[in-house]
Amino acid sequence: MQDTTVEIQYCVPCGHLPRALDIQKSLLEHFGRRIEGVKLKTGGDGIFTIKVAGEQVYDKSQEFDLQQLIEKIEAKAGAPA
């Protein structure tokens, strides 16, 4: 099984924690045990990025689409059991 850890790095001073928590919850509910986990990583300078298995799949300059993010993670996590 590939490493399917998701990492959300967010800017603390910018107040991005609620958004990061919402995304974390959505991903955990959708994937359950098919992913290793969803790690929140603090940051600054306006950062808001999402990585899957170390590969960046989203940054705040892009339009956020949860379904598209789920599809990118599905490609790494494999089909549902």
C-alpha atoms as a PDB file:
ATOM      1  CA  MET A   1       0.000   0.000   0.000  1.00  0.00           C
ATOM      2  CA  GLN A   2       1.332   3.400  -0.945  1.00  0.00           C
ATOM      3  CA  ASP A   3       1.786   6.133   1.633  1.00  0.00           C
ATOM      4  CA  THR A   4      -1.456   8.051   1.361  1.00  0.00           C
ATOM      5  CA  THR A   5      -0.894  10.566   4.108  1.00  0.00           C
ATOM      6  CA  VAL A   6      -2.559  13.891   3.387  1.00  0.00           C
ATOM      7  CA  GLU A   7      -0.922  17.030   4.771  1.00  0.00           C
ATOM      8  CA  ILE A   8      -2.731  20.344   5.025  1.00  0.00           C
ATOM      9  CA  GLN A   9      -0.441  23.275   5.781  1.00  0.00           C
ATOM     10  CA  TYR A  10      -2.253  26.438   6.769  1.00  0.00           C
ATOM     11  CA  CYS A  11      -1.428  29.982   7.864  1.00  0.00           C
ATOM     12  CA  VAL A  12      -2.155  30.384  11.576  1.00  0.00           C
ATOM     13  CA  PRO A  13      -2.221  34.227  11.652  1.00  0.00           C
ATOM     14  CA  CYS A  14      -4.553  34.263   8.609  1.00  0.00           C
ATOM     15  CA  GLY A  15      -7.180  32.238  10.441  1.00  0.00           C
ATOM     16  CA  HIS A  16      -7.172  29.276   8.030  1.00  0.00           C
ATOM     17  CA  LEU A  17      -7.549  26.672  10.814  1.00  0.00           C
ATOM     18  CA  PRO A  18     -11.355  26.316  10.482  1.00  0.00           C
ATOM     19  CA  ARG A  19     -11.030  25.648   6.742  1.00  0.00           C
ATOM     20  CA  ALA A  20      -8.223  23.148   7.332  1.00  0.00           C
ATOM     21  CA  LEU A  21     -10.333  21.345   9.945  1.00  0.00           C
ATOM     22  CA  ASP A  22     -13.346  21.207   7.614  1.00  0.00           C
ATOM     23  CA  ILE A  23     -11.259  19.678   4.824  1.00  0.00           C
ATOM     24  CA  GLN A  24      -9.592  17.256   7.263  1.00  0.00           C
ATOM     25  CA  LYS A  25     -12.993  16.079   8.537  1.00  0.00           C
ATOM     26  CA  SER A  26     -14.394  15.665   5.016  1.00  0.00           C
ATOM     27  CA  LEU A  27     -11.420  13.590   3.898  1.00  0.00           C
ATOM     28  CA  LEU A  28     -11.432  11.375   6.996  1.00  0.00           C
ATOM     29  CA  GLU A  29     -15.164  10.749   6.631  1.00  0.00           C
ATOM     30  CA  HIS A  30     -14.824   9.942   2.935  1.00  0.00           C
ATOM     31  CA  PHE A  31     -11.732   7.739   3.036  1.00  0.00           C
ATOM     32  CA  GLY A  32     -11.794   6.177   6.490  1.00  0.00           C
ATOM     33  CA  ARG A  33      -8.910   3.728   6.800  1.00  0.00           C
ATOM     34  CA  ARG A  34      -7.977   3.850   3.103  1.00  0.00           C
ATOM     35  CA  ILE A  35      -5.621   6.726   3.855  1.00  0.00           C
ATOM     36  CA  GLU A  36      -2.910   6.843   6.498  1.00  0.00           C
ATOM     37  CA  GLY A  37      -4.274  10.066   7.978  1.00  0.00           C
ATOM     38  CA  VAL A  38      -4.727  13.783   7.469  1.00  0.00           C
ATOM     39  CA  LYS A  39      -2.027  15.836   9.165  1.00  0.00           C
ATOM     40  CA  LEU A  40      -2.443  19.515   9.927  1.00  0.00           C
ATOM     41  CA  LYS A  41       0.774  21.511   9.739  1.00  0.00           C
ATOM     42  CA  THR A  42       0.992  25.085  10.952  1.00  0.00           C
ATOM     43  CA  GLY A  43       2.564  27.792   8.838  1.00  0.00           C
ATOM     44  CA  GLY A  44       2.599  31.495   8.117  1.00  0.00           C
ATOM     45  CA  ASP A  45       2.894  33.936   5.229  1.00  0.00           C
ATOM     46  CA  GLY A  46      -0.611  33.159   3.966  1.00  0.00           C
ATOM     47  CA  ILE A  47       0.145  29.520   3.131  1.00  0.00           C
ATOM     48  CA  PHE A  48      -2.634  27.033   2.443  1.00  0.00           C
ATOM     49  CA  THR A  49      -1.473  23.899   0.644  1.00  0.00           C
ATOM     50  CA  ILE A  50      -2.509  20.268   0.475  1.00  0.00           C
ATOM     51  CA  LYS A  51      -0.093  17.432  -0.242  1.00  0.00           C
ATOM     52  CA  VAL A  52      -0.779  13.746  -0.804  1.00  0.00           C
ATOM     53  CA  ALA A  53       2.123  11.382  -0.205  1.00  0.00           C
ATOM     54  CA  GLY A  54       4.448  14.402  -0.340  1.00  0.00           C
ATOM     55  CA  GLU A  55       3.123  15.648  -3.694  1.00  0.00           C
ATOM     56  CA  GLN A  56       1.419  19.033  -3.661  1.00  0.00           C
ATOM     57  CA  VAL A  57      -2.070  18.775  -5.140  1.00  0.00           C
ATOM     58  CA  TYR A  58      -3.501  22.144  -4.092  1.00  0.00           C
ATOM     59  CA  ASP A  59      -2.444  25.642  -3.142  1.00  0.00           C
ATOM     60  CA  LYS A  60      -4.561  28.673  -2.372  1.00  0.00           C
ATOM     61  CA  SER A  61      -3.954  30.241  -5.798  1.00  0.00           C
ATOM     62  CA  GLN A  62      -6.206  27.527  -7.283  1.00  0.00           C
ATOM     63  CA  GLU A  63      -9.978  27.333  -7.053  1.00  0.00           C
ATOM     64  CA  PHE A  64     -10.814  24.820  -4.332  1.00  0.00           C
ATOM     65  CA  ASP A  65     -12.870  21.837  -5.450  1.00  0.00           C
ATOM     66  CA  LEU A  66     -13.341  19.108  -2.824  1.00  0.00           C
ATOM     67  CA  GLN A  67     -14.461  16.530  -5.396  1.00  0.00           C
ATOM     68  CA  GLN A  68     -11.353  17.136  -7.491  1.00  0.00           C
ATOM     69  CA  LEU A  69      -9.179  16.774  -4.379  1.00  0.00           C
ATOM     70  CA  ILE A  70     -10.926  13.497  -3.511  1.00  0.00           C
ATOM     71  CA  GLU A  71     -10.266  12.198  -7.037  1.00  0.00           C
ATOM     72  CA  LYS A  72      -6.552  13.005  -6.720  1.00  0.00           C
ATOM     73  CA  ILE A  73      -6.398  11.144  -3.416  1.00  0.00           C
ATOM     74  CA  GLU A  74      -8.428   8.226  -4.857  1.00  0.00           C
ATOM     75  CA  ALA A  75      -5.755   7.803  -7.520  1.00  0.00           C
ATOM     76  CA  LYS A  76      -3.183   7.255  -4.754  1.00  0.00           C
ATOM     77  CA  ALA A  77      -5.375   5.358  -2.263  1.00  0.00           C
ATOM     78  CA  GLY A  78      -6.897   2.905  -4.733  1.00  0.00           C
ATOM     79  CA  ALA A  79     -10.476   1.770  -5.098  1.00  0.00           C
ATOM     80  CA  PRO A  80     -12.759   1.422  -2.068  1.00  0.00           C
ATOM     81  CA  ALA A  81     -12.591  -1.927  -0.295  1.00  0.00           C
END
